[in-house]
Amino acid sequence: MFKSLLHLKTIISTTFQTTSHISLHSSFSLQFFTTNSTTKLPKRPRFSTSQDPDPFLAFFRSHGFSVSQVNSILTKSPRLISCNTHELFLPKFEFLASKGASKSDIVLAVTKNPNFLRSSIEDKIIPIYELMRRFFKSDKEALNYFITWPALLKNKRVVEQVFKILCDEGVKHSHIAYLIRMRSCVLRSGELRKAVDEVKELGFNPSKSDFVTALAAKVSVSKTKWNEKVDAFKSWGWSEETIAAAFKRHPRCMLASKDKINAIMSFWVNQLGWNSLEIAMFPAILGYSLEKRIIPRTSVVQCLLTLGLRKNNASLYSPFVMSEKLFLEKYVNKFEKESFQLLKVYHGERKN
């Protein structure tokens, strides 16, 4: 027992020597994460109070970070504790502030992605920011994605190559900004060149917005999942040509899950008795909620047909694409005598 205590004392002493830049005071303590070993070796420092603090903690506290946020940063990136805060961190804080980031913006961004602080400001942060900035209307908008996108700073060469491919193809800056905001997986793909060529072969124009949507679908949906969705469409009577045409009309249709495709098709064909090819003509329907939009609006349309207030050959698509306000105006409130009944049907079927 005595030997074990001596051994533990030696370990703790050695560990404190390796972190000699941390000054301990009576009002400041460090807690340690432990391993599952019998000696419970100290692994990672964790601050528990901020009175008379260590210089590392003092730096972050002076920039608006809470103790829990500093703990979170060290949990995600423990190597930061060995860095010189004023030499390595301060220039990055100043750079972000110069681009319009507020104190709270910096706190939230660094807490979410502390490895940002380990990136070289001259070799990565500034050049990649300037590269990305041109796709956004303002520094603030660009910063929202720049400092919270960890993969962006990992490989400058890949980032440059990705943006070059898209720009050379004539993709508009606003559309590239959309990919950064909503579909960053496209920009991380190692097969972007191949995906761009495939989408172009399908007839998409790189200068149009549907090109980046189709590109996102091609990149984000694995080959296995893609084939599963194709098989699902075929099971409802669609041909290869029909699927290709539907994708061309509305690329987002391939972002719907196989289960959602089958659920909407089943309702459309089996319960309503409508032709599945109607959806191929207006594939945007596959992006709507079955419970919140398709079923309740269909119930209103069927009620109008029963009451003789809607023609049988009227568009099947139009009731689903309009906003809820416009739908209620055209399909419910327009019919003053029947509006109460129609509203009951609509809300009775609608699941919030």
Protein backbone atom coordinates (compact mmCIF):
# COMPACT_ATOMS: atom_id res chain seq x y z
CA MET A 1 0.00 0.00 0.00
CA PHE A 2 2.80 2.39 0.99
CA LYS A 3 4.71 1.58 -2.22
CA SER A 4 1.59 2.24 -4.29
CA LEU A 5 1.17 5.65 -2.69
CA LEU A 6 4.79 6.51 -3.39
CA HIS A 7 4.33 5.40 -7.00
CA LEU A 8 1.22 7.55 -7.41
CA LYS A 9 2.99 10.53 -5.85
CA THR A 10 5.83 10.14 -8.38
CA ILE A 11 3.36 10.01 -11.29
CA ILE A 12 1.52 13.12 -10.14
CA SER A 13 4.78 14.98 -9.55
CA THR A 14 6.01 14.09 -13.04
CA THR A 15 2.72 15.13 -14.61
CA PHE A 16 2.78 18.51 -12.89
CA GLN A 17 6.32 19.08 -14.12
CA THR A 18 5.23 18.53 -17.73
CA THR A 19 2.60 21.21 -17.26
CA SER A 20 4.82 23.63 -15.36
CA HIS A 21 3.26 26.59 -17.14
CA ILE A 22 0.16 26.06 -14.99
CA SER A 23 0.50 27.91 -11.70
CA LEU A 24 -1.62 26.55 -8.90
CA HIS A 25 -2.96 28.79 -6.15
CA SER A 26 -4.96 28.07 -3.04
CA SER A 27 -8.08 29.46 -4.70
CA PHE A 28 -7.51 27.69 -8.02
CA SER A 29 -7.62 23.95 -8.54
CA LEU A 30 -7.31 21.45 -11.34
CA GLN A 31 -9.44 18.37 -11.66
CA PHE A 32 -8.28 15.52 -13.85
CA PHE A 33 -10.00 13.10 -16.17
CA THR A 34 -8.83 9.62 -15.30
CA THR A 35 -8.23 6.46 -17.22
CA ASN A 36 -9.56 3.04 -16.31
CA SER A 37 -6.16 1.87 -15.05
CA THR A 38 -5.68 0.99 -11.40
CA THR A 39 -3.37 3.97 -10.85
CA LYS A 40 -5.85 6.42 -12.44
CA LEU A 41 -3.23 8.45 -14.29
CA PRO A 42 -3.91 12.16 -14.77
CA LYS A 43 -4.85 12.67 -18.39
CA ARG A 44 -6.33 16.07 -19.07
CA PRO A 45 -6.58 19.26 -16.98
CA ARG A 46 -10.00 20.62 -16.16
CA PHE A 47 -10.50 24.03 -14.59
CA SER A 48 -12.94 24.28 -11.72
CA THR A 49 -12.75 27.92 -10.58
CA SER A 50 -11.63 31.24 -11.94
CA GLN A 51 -10.37 33.15 -8.90
CA ASP A 52 -6.69 34.13 -9.20
CA PRO A 53 -6.52 32.02 -12.37
CA ASP A 54 -3.78 30.34 -14.34
CA PRO A 55 -2.53 32.41 -17.35
CA PHE A 56 -4.15 30.00 -19.84
CA LEU A 57 -7.54 30.33 -18.19
CA ALA A 58 -7.02 34.06 -17.62
CA PHE A 59 -6.52 34.61 -21.36
CA PHE A 60 -9.78 32.93 -22.30
CA ARG A 61 -11.69 34.51 -19.43
CA SER A 62 -10.51 37.95 -20.55
CA HIS A 63 -12.00 37.23 -23.98
CA GLY A 64 -15.42 36.29 -22.64
CA PHE A 65 -15.13 32.50 -22.24
CA SER A 66 -16.70 30.82 -19.23
CA VAL A 67 -14.83 28.18 -17.25
CA SER A 68 -17.11 25.47 -18.66
CA GLN A 69 -16.34 26.65 -22.20
CA VAL A 70 -12.60 26.47 -21.51
CA ASN A 71 -13.11 22.96 -20.16
CA SER A 72 -14.99 22.05 -23.33
CA ILE A 73 -12.19 23.45 -25.50
CA LEU A 74 -9.55 21.42 -23.67
CA THR A 75 -11.68 18.30 -23.83
CA LYS A 76 -11.88 18.60 -27.62
CA SER A 77 -8.30 19.75 -28.14
CA PRO A 78 -6.11 19.11 -25.06
CA ARG A 79 -2.89 20.05 -26.89
CA LEU A 80 -3.94 23.69 -26.83
CA ILE A 81 -2.92 23.94 -23.18
CA SER A 82 0.75 23.75 -24.17
CA CYS A 83 0.43 26.68 -26.60
CA ASN A 84 1.47 30.26 -25.98
CA THR A 85 -1.89 32.01 -25.84
CA HIS A 86 -0.73 35.49 -26.82
CA GLU A 87 1.50 34.34 -29.66
CA LEU A 88 -0.78 31.71 -31.19
CA PHE A 89 -4.35 32.55 -30.16
CA LEU A 90 -4.49 36.33 -29.93
CA PRO A 91 -3.66 37.00 -33.64
CA LYS A 92 -6.53 34.69 -34.63
CA PHE A 93 -8.96 36.44 -32.32
CA GLU A 94 -7.83 39.77 -33.75
CA PHE A 95 -8.23 38.49 -37.32
CA LEU A 96 -11.81 37.35 -36.66
CA ALA A 97 -12.61 40.66 -34.96
CA SER A 98 -11.19 42.58 -37.94
CA LYS A 99 -13.69 40.79 -40.17
CA GLY A 100 -16.63 41.81 -38.02
CA ALA A 101 -16.89 38.94 -35.55
CA SER A 102 -18.21 40.02 -32.16
CA LYS A 103 -16.79 38.78 -28.88
CA SER A 104 -19.67 36.33 -28.50
CA ASP A 105 -19.21 35.15 -32.12
CA ILE A 106 -15.59 34.29 -31.39
CA VAL A 107 -16.47 32.53 -28.14
CA LEU A 108 -19.12 30.34 -29.78
CA ALA A 109 -16.98 29.56 -32.82
CA VAL A 110 -13.84 28.63 -30.88
CA THR A 111 -15.82 26.57 -28.38
CA LYS A 112 -17.42 24.64 -31.22
CA ASN A 113 -14.22 24.22 -33.22
CA PRO A 114 -11.17 24.76 -30.98
CA ASN A 115 -8.82 23.21 -33.53
CA PHE A 116 -9.24 26.45 -35.44
CA LEU A 117 -6.71 27.89 -32.99
CA ARG A 118 -4.09 25.35 -34.06
CA SER A 119 -4.22 26.33 -37.73
CA SER A 120 -1.54 28.59 -39.17
CA ILE A 121 -2.90 32.09 -39.65
CA GLU A 122 -0.49 32.90 -42.51
CA ASP A 123 -0.59 29.58 -44.36
CA LYS A 124 -4.21 28.53 -43.88
CA ILE A 125 -6.59 30.87 -42.10
CA ILE A 126 -6.04 34.07 -44.10
CA PRO A 127 -5.61 32.54 -47.59
CA ILE A 128 -8.53 30.12 -47.22
CA TYR A 129 -10.76 32.84 -45.78
CA GLU A 130 -9.95 35.15 -48.68
CA LEU A 131 -10.61 32.28 -51.08
CA MET A 132 -14.02 31.61 -49.54
CA ARG A 133 -14.99 35.23 -48.89
CA ARG A 134 -15.63 35.99 -52.57
CA PHE A 135 -18.63 33.66 -52.59
CA PHE A 136 -20.50 35.62 -49.92
CA LYS A 137 -22.00 39.09 -49.82
CA SER A 138 -20.36 40.11 -46.55
CA ASP A 139 -17.57 39.21 -44.14
CA LYS A 140 -20.09 38.37 -41.44
CA GLU A 141 -21.92 35.88 -43.64
CA ALA A 142 -18.64 34.26 -44.69
CA LEU A 143 -17.40 34.07 -41.10
CA ASN A 144 -20.50 32.15 -40.00
CA TYR A 145 -19.33 29.18 -42.05
CA PHE A 146 -15.58 29.69 -42.12
CA ILE A 147 -14.94 29.37 -38.39
CA THR A 148 -17.42 26.56 -37.78
CA TRP A 149 -16.37 24.31 -40.65
CA PRO A 150 -13.46 22.24 -39.26
CA ALA A 151 -12.66 20.41 -42.51
CA LEU A 152 -12.10 23.68 -44.37
CA LEU A 153 -8.72 24.31 -42.75
CA LYS A 154 -7.37 20.78 -42.98
CA ASN A 155 -6.16 20.82 -46.57
CA LYS A 156 -5.64 24.11 -48.35
CA ARG A 157 -4.76 22.43 -51.65
CA VAL A 158 -8.00 20.42 -51.74
CA VAL A 159 -10.08 23.50 -50.92
CA GLU A 160 -8.41 25.45 -53.73
CA GLN A 161 -8.94 22.57 -56.15
CA VAL A 162 -12.63 22.19 -55.27
CA PHE A 163 -13.40 25.88 -55.73
CA LYS A 164 -11.40 25.96 -58.97
CA ILE A 165 -13.38 23.06 -60.45
CA LEU A 166 -16.70 24.75 -59.70
CA CYS A 167 -15.60 28.20 -60.88
CA ASP A 168 -14.07 26.83 -64.08
CA GLU A 169 -17.37 25.09 -64.84
CA GLY A 170 -19.22 28.37 -64.54
CA VAL A 171 -21.00 27.71 -61.24
CA LYS A 172 -22.17 31.05 -59.86
CA HIS A 173 -20.67 32.35 -56.63
CA SER A 174 -24.09 32.44 -54.96
CA HIS A 175 -24.58 28.76 -55.80
CA ILE A 176 -21.17 27.84 -54.37
CA ALA A 177 -22.16 29.75 -51.23
CA TYR A 178 -25.28 27.55 -51.08
CA LEU A 179 -23.09 24.44 -51.16
CA ILE A 180 -20.93 25.83 -48.36
CA ARG A 181 -24.00 26.65 -46.26
CA MET A 182 -26.21 23.66 -46.93
CA ARG A 183 -24.27 20.89 -48.67
CA SER A 184 -20.67 21.12 -47.54
CA CYS A 185 -20.31 17.36 -48.09
CA VAL A 186 -20.07 18.16 -51.81
CA LEU A 187 -16.97 20.26 -51.22
CA ARG A 188 -15.36 17.50 -49.16
CA SER A 189 -15.91 14.84 -51.79
CA GLY A 190 -12.86 13.24 -53.33
CA GLU A 191 -14.89 12.50 -56.46
CA LEU A 192 -16.19 15.98 -57.17
CA ARG A 193 -14.74 16.04 -60.68
CA LYS A 194 -16.51 12.78 -61.54
CA ALA A 195 -19.80 13.97 -60.04
CA VAL A 196 -19.64 17.26 -61.95
CA ASP A 197 -19.14 15.40 -65.23
CA GLU A 198 -22.03 13.01 -64.49
CA VAL A 199 -24.41 15.84 -63.69
CA LYS A 200 -23.42 17.70 -66.85
CA GLU A 201 -24.05 14.54 -68.90
CA LEU A 202 -27.59 14.45 -67.50
CA GLY A 203 -28.18 17.84 -69.10
CA PHE A 204 -27.80 20.18 -66.13
CA ASN A 205 -26.37 23.63 -66.83
CA PRO A 206 -23.61 24.56 -64.32
CA SER A 207 -24.79 28.17 -64.29
CA LYS A 208 -28.26 27.19 -63.03
CA SER A 209 -29.26 26.57 -59.42
CA ASP A 210 -30.55 23.05 -60.09
CA PHE A 211 -27.01 22.04 -61.09
CA VAL A 212 -25.70 22.33 -57.51
CA THR A 213 -28.80 20.56 -56.19
CA ALA A 214 -28.21 17.68 -58.59
CA LEU A 215 -24.53 17.71 -57.65
CA ALA A 216 -25.44 17.52 -53.96
CA ALA A 217 -27.72 14.56 -54.63
CA LYS A 218 -25.06 12.74 -56.62
CA VAL A 219 -22.38 13.26 -53.99
CA SER A 220 -24.38 12.85 -50.77
CA VAL A 221 -26.34 9.74 -51.78
CA SER A 222 -24.19 6.62 -51.87
CA LYS A 223 -24.34 4.32 -54.88
CA THR A 224 -26.13 1.67 -52.81
CA LYS A 225 -28.77 4.12 -51.57
CA TRP A 226 -29.15 5.58 -55.05
CA ASN A 227 -29.85 2.15 -56.52
CA GLU A 228 -32.33 1.39 -53.73
CA LYS A 229 -34.28 4.54 -54.61
CA VAL A 230 -34.20 3.71 -58.31
CA ASP A 231 -35.58 0.24 -57.52
CA ALA A 232 -38.30 1.82 -55.36
CA PHE A 233 -39.42 4.05 -58.23
CA LYS A 234 -39.37 1.11 -60.64
CA SER A 235 -41.58 -0.91 -58.29
CA TRP A 236 -44.24 1.79 -58.77
CA GLY A 237 -44.08 1.62 -62.55
CA TRP A 238 -41.40 4.16 -63.39
CA SER A 239 -38.91 3.38 -66.14
CA GLU A 240 -35.24 4.41 -66.21
CA GLU A 241 -36.21 7.23 -68.56
CA THR A 242 -39.01 8.38 -66.25
CA ILE A 243 -36.64 8.45 -63.27
CA ALA A 244 -34.05 10.43 -65.23
CA ALA A 245 -36.70 12.91 -66.37
CA ALA A 246 -38.03 13.33 -62.82
CA PHE A 247 -34.52 13.93 -61.53
CA LYS A 248 -33.97 16.52 -64.24
CA ARG A 249 -37.20 18.31 -63.29
CA HIS A 250 -36.52 18.25 -59.56
CA PRO A 251 -33.13 16.86 -58.42
CA ARG A 252 -34.20 16.92 -54.78
CA CYS A 253 -36.44 13.92 -55.44
CA MET A 254 -33.37 11.68 -55.08
CA LEU A 255 -32.70 13.13 -51.64
CA ALA A 256 -35.95 11.63 -50.32
CA SER A 257 -35.43 8.36 -48.46
CA LYS A 258 -36.56 5.06 -49.95
CA ASP A 259 -39.12 4.70 -47.14
CA LYS A 260 -40.58 8.13 -47.84
CA ILE A 261 -40.77 7.41 -51.56
CA ASN A 262 -42.68 4.20 -50.89
CA ALA A 263 -44.97 5.83 -48.31
CA ILE A 264 -46.01 8.68 -50.63
CA MET A 265 -46.39 6.36 -53.62
CA SER A 266 -48.50 3.94 -51.59
CA PHE A 267 -50.83 6.70 -50.43
CA TRP A 268 -51.04 8.22 -53.91
CA VAL A 269 -51.68 4.96 -55.78
CA ASN A 270 -53.32 2.60 -53.29
CA GLN A 271 -55.45 4.98 -51.24
CA LEU A 272 -56.22 7.71 -53.75
CA GLY A 273 -56.20 5.54 -56.86
CA TRP A 274 -54.12 8.06 -58.76
CA ASN A 275 -51.43 7.30 -61.34
CA SER A 276 -47.85 7.17 -60.02
CA LEU A 277 -46.66 8.87 -63.21
CA GLU A 278 -48.41 12.05 -62.04
CA ILE A 279 -45.71 12.32 -59.39
CA ALA A 280 -43.05 11.84 -62.06
CA MET A 281 -44.41 14.96 -63.73
CA PHE A 282 -44.23 16.90 -60.44
CA PRO A 283 -41.56 15.14 -58.33
CA ALA A 284 -41.31 18.04 -55.88
CA ILE A 285 -44.22 16.33 -54.08
CA LEU A 286 -41.69 13.80 -52.76
CA GLY A 287 -40.13 16.56 -50.69
CA TYR A 288 -43.33 17.38 -48.80
CA SER A 289 -44.49 15.87 -45.53
CA LEU A 290 -47.05 13.12 -46.04
CA GLU A 291 -48.73 13.73 -42.67
CA LYS A 292 -48.56 17.53 -42.52
CA ARG A 293 -49.22 18.49 -46.12
CA ILE A 294 -50.14 15.75 -48.58
CA ILE A 295 -52.83 13.89 -46.61
CA PRO A 296 -54.70 16.93 -45.19
CA ARG A 297 -54.68 18.82 -48.49
CA THR A 298 -55.78 15.73 -50.37
CA SER A 299 -58.70 15.36 -47.95
CA VAL A 300 -59.84 18.89 -48.72
CA VAL A 301 -59.50 18.34 -52.48
CA GLN A 302 -61.53 15.12 -52.29
CA CYS A 303 -64.18 16.88 -50.25
CA LEU A 304 -64.44 19.59 -52.91
CA LEU A 305 -64.75 16.94 -55.63
CA THR A 306 -67.54 15.22 -53.69
CA LEU A 307 -69.38 18.52 -53.27
CA GLY A 308 -68.98 19.29 -56.95
CA LEU A 309 -66.87 22.37 -56.21
CA ARG A 310 -63.80 21.19 -58.11
CA LYS A 311 -63.43 19.78 -61.61
CA ASN A 312 -62.23 16.21 -61.99
CA ASN A 313 -59.60 17.23 -64.52
CA ALA A 314 -58.16 20.01 -62.35
CA SER A 315 -54.44 19.93 -61.58
CA LEU A 316 -53.45 17.35 -59.01
CA TYR A 317 -50.22 19.17 -58.34
CA SER A 318 -51.21 22.78 -57.63
CA PRO A 319 -52.86 22.21 -54.20
CA PHE A 320 -49.60 20.84 -52.79
CA VAL A 321 -47.07 23.42 -53.94
CA MET A 322 -48.62 26.63 -52.63
CA SER A 323 -48.12 28.09 -49.16
CA GLU A 324 -50.57 27.17 -46.42
CA LYS A 325 -52.02 30.68 -46.41
CA LEU A 326 -52.71 30.58 -50.14
CA PHE A 327 -54.05 27.02 -49.94
CA LEU A 328 -56.58 28.01 -47.28
CA GLU A 329 -57.63 31.04 -49.32
CA LYS A 330 -58.16 29.11 -52.57
CA TYR A 331 -59.43 25.77 -51.29
CA VAL A 332 -61.19 26.58 -48.01
CA ASN A 333 -62.11 30.22 -47.37
CA LYS A 334 -63.16 30.76 -50.99
CA PHE A 335 -66.19 28.55 -50.37
CA GLU A 336 -67.97 30.53 -47.68
CA LYS A 337 -70.83 28.12 -46.99
CA GLU A 338 -68.62 25.05 -46.88
CA SER A 339 -65.54 26.67 -45.30
CA PHE A 340 -66.27 25.44 -41.77
CA GLN A 341 -66.68 21.85 -42.94
CA LEU A 342 -63.56 22.08 -45.12
CA LEU A 343 -61.55 23.55 -42.27
CA LYS A 344 -62.61 20.69 -40.00
CA VAL A 345 -61.52 18.20 -42.64
CA TYR A 346 -58.20 19.97 -43.09
CA HIS A 347 -57.29 20.24 -39.42
CA GLY A 348 -58.74 16.84 -38.63
CA GLU A 349 -56.26 15.20 -41.00
CA ARG A 350 -53.34 17.48 -40.29
CA LYS A 351 -50.79 16.26 -37.75
CA ASN A 352 -48.87 19.11 -36.15
